[in-house]
Amino acid sequence: MIGTNALLVLASSASCEVTSSSGARTATTSCESRDCAVTISGAQGDGELWEQGNTTIEYRVRLADDQEADVRVTVQEGAHRESDEATLVPGDSTQVGGYTVTYVEHTGDAAGFDFTWQD
C-alpha cells in the first residue's frame, strides 16, 4: 500500500505540456498538477486540464472578434458530466468548474489563460 500511495503522489504532481491543433487553431496546455497555463491561437481551442482514475477535467475556449472569451470547464466522473462556463475579457478572473480562470492577455491572434485549481 505504501508503494501505491507514493506512485499516486508522483503521478498527481507531474507536469506536462500538450499542444492540440485542428485547422487554423491551436491550443497549448502546460500543467503542473491541476494548475494550467493555456494559450489559444485562432478562434477556439480545447484540451485536458487534469485526469485521474475515472475523472477527467477539460476546457474549451472560444474567442470573439472583440477579444471576449467564452470559457467552459467540463468535469466528467464516470458517467456523470457537468459543465460550467463564463465570458471573460482580458484582465478578468472568475470561478469556472472548480478553477479560478484568469484571462491573462490577448495579443494578435493568440490569447493566454491561467487555470488555478481551487482546493
Protein backbone atom coordinates (compact mmCIF):
# COMPACT_ATOMS: atom_id res chain seq x y z
CA MET A 1 0.00 0.00 0.00
CA ILE A 2 2.85 2.44 0.67
CA GLY A 3 4.17 1.93 -2.86
CA THR A 4 0.73 2.67 -4.33
CA ASN A 5 0.42 5.93 -2.37
CA ALA A 6 3.90 7.00 -3.43
CA LEU A 7 3.02 6.33 -7.07
CA LEU A 8 -0.23 8.31 -6.72
CA VAL A 9 1.61 11.32 -5.29
CA LEU A 10 4.21 11.13 -8.06
CA ALA A 11 1.55 10.94 -10.79
CA SER A 12 -0.51 13.80 -9.38
CA SER A 13 2.46 16.16 -9.08
CA ALA A 14 3.80 15.54 -12.59
CA SER A 15 3.86 18.35 -15.11
CA CYS A 16 3.12 18.14 -18.80
CA GLU A 17 2.63 20.24 -21.91
CA VAL A 18 0.25 19.29 -24.71
CA THR A 19 -0.44 21.04 -27.99
CA SER A 20 -3.57 20.19 -29.96
CA SER A 21 -4.34 21.52 -33.44
CA SER A 22 -7.32 21.50 -35.73
CA GLY A 23 -7.17 23.52 -38.92
CA ALA A 24 -6.11 27.10 -38.20
CA ARG A 25 -6.48 26.80 -34.42
CA THR A 26 -4.03 25.59 -31.82
CA ALA A 27 -4.31 25.14 -28.06
CA THR A 28 -1.20 24.67 -25.92
CA THR A 29 -1.79 23.44 -22.37
CA SER A 30 1.03 23.38 -19.82
CA CYS A 31 0.11 21.95 -16.40
CA GLU A 32 1.74 21.49 -13.01
CA SER A 33 -0.55 19.20 -11.02
CA ARG A 34 -4.05 20.71 -11.58
CA ASP A 35 -2.87 24.28 -12.33
CA CYS A 36 -2.54 25.01 -16.05
CA ALA A 37 -1.47 27.78 -18.41
CA VAL A 38 -3.32 27.72 -21.74
CA THR A 39 -2.54 29.57 -24.96
CA ILE A 40 -5.15 29.67 -27.71
CA SER A 41 -4.17 30.60 -31.29
CA GLY A 42 -7.09 31.12 -33.64
CA ALA A 43 -10.78 31.39 -32.82
CA GLN A 44 -11.02 28.48 -30.37
CA GLY A 45 -9.20 25.71 -28.60
CA ASP A 46 -9.79 22.89 -26.18
CA GLY A 47 -7.86 20.39 -24.14
CA GLU A 48 -7.49 18.47 -20.93
CA LEU A 49 -6.65 20.11 -17.61
CA TRP A 50 -6.49 17.02 -15.42
CA GLU A 51 -7.20 13.28 -15.44
CA GLN A 52 -7.02 10.67 -12.72
CA GLY A 53 -8.90 7.40 -12.42
CA ASN A 54 -12.37 7.87 -13.91
CA THR A 55 -12.31 11.69 -13.53
CA THR A 56 -11.41 13.99 -16.41
CA ILE A 57 -11.48 17.81 -16.44
CA GLU A 58 -11.43 19.53 -19.83
CA TYR A 59 -11.68 23.12 -21.08
CA ARG A 60 -12.96 24.81 -24.21
CA VAL A 61 -12.26 28.46 -25.10
CA ARG A 62 -13.92 30.38 -27.93
CA LEU A 63 -12.59 33.82 -28.81
CA ALA A 64 -14.76 36.57 -30.32
CA ASP A 65 -13.52 39.37 -32.60
CA ASP A 66 -13.87 41.86 -29.71
CA GLN A 67 -11.44 39.74 -27.57
CA GLU A 68 -14.22 38.34 -25.36
CA ALA A 69 -13.64 34.71 -24.46
CA ASP A 70 -16.28 32.10 -23.68
CA VAL A 71 -14.62 29.63 -21.31
CA ARG A 72 -16.16 26.26 -20.44
CA VAL A 73 -14.83 23.73 -17.94
CA THR A 74 -16.33 20.22 -18.03
CA VAL A 75 -15.85 17.66 -15.26
CA GLN A 76 -16.63 14.04 -16.10
CA GLU A 77 -16.69 11.47 -13.31
CA GLY A 78 -17.63 8.10 -14.75
CA ALA A 79 -20.99 8.56 -16.49
CA HIS A 80 -21.72 11.91 -14.74
CA ARG A 81 -20.79 15.02 -16.75
CA GLU A 82 -21.12 18.63 -15.54
CA SER A 83 -20.13 21.87 -17.32
CA ASP A 84 -19.72 25.45 -16.13
CA GLU A 85 -18.97 28.46 -18.30
CA ALA A 86 -18.29 32.18 -18.21
CA THR A 87 -17.44 35.07 -20.54
CA LEU A 88 -14.23 36.98 -19.86
CA VAL A 89 -12.29 39.92 -21.30
CA PRO A 90 -8.52 40.40 -20.93
CA GLY A 91 -7.65 41.04 -17.27
CA ASP A 92 -10.82 39.35 -15.94
CA SER A 93 -10.82 36.46 -13.50
CA THR A 94 -13.71 34.24 -12.34
CA GLN A 95 -14.60 30.82 -10.93
CA VAL A 96 -15.45 28.17 -13.52
CA GLY A 97 -15.83 24.46 -12.76
CA GLY A 98 -13.61 24.37 -9.66
CA TYR A 99 -10.96 26.63 -11.23
CA THR A 100 -10.16 30.30 -10.97
CA VAL A 101 -9.72 31.23 -14.63
CA THR A 102 -7.74 34.38 -15.44
CA TYR A 103 -7.74 35.83 -18.96
CA VAL A 104 -4.10 36.94 -18.89
CA GLU A 105 -3.65 38.59 -22.28
CA HIS A 106 -4.72 38.83 -25.89
CA THR A 107 -2.04 39.59 -28.48
CA GLY A 108 -2.73 39.46 -32.21
CA ASP A 109 -4.15 36.02 -32.91
CA ALA A 110 -3.34 34.42 -29.52
CA ALA A 111 -4.82 34.59 -26.04
CA GLY A 112 -3.40 33.37 -22.73
CA PHE A 113 -5.31 31.95 -19.75
CA ASP A 114 -4.37 30.65 -16.31
CA PHE A 115 -6.48 27.88 -14.75
CA THR A 116 -5.80 27.63 -11.00
CA TRP A 117 -7.42 24.74 -9.13
CA GLN A 118 -9.39 25.69 -6.00
CA ASP A 119 -8.81 23.09 -3.27
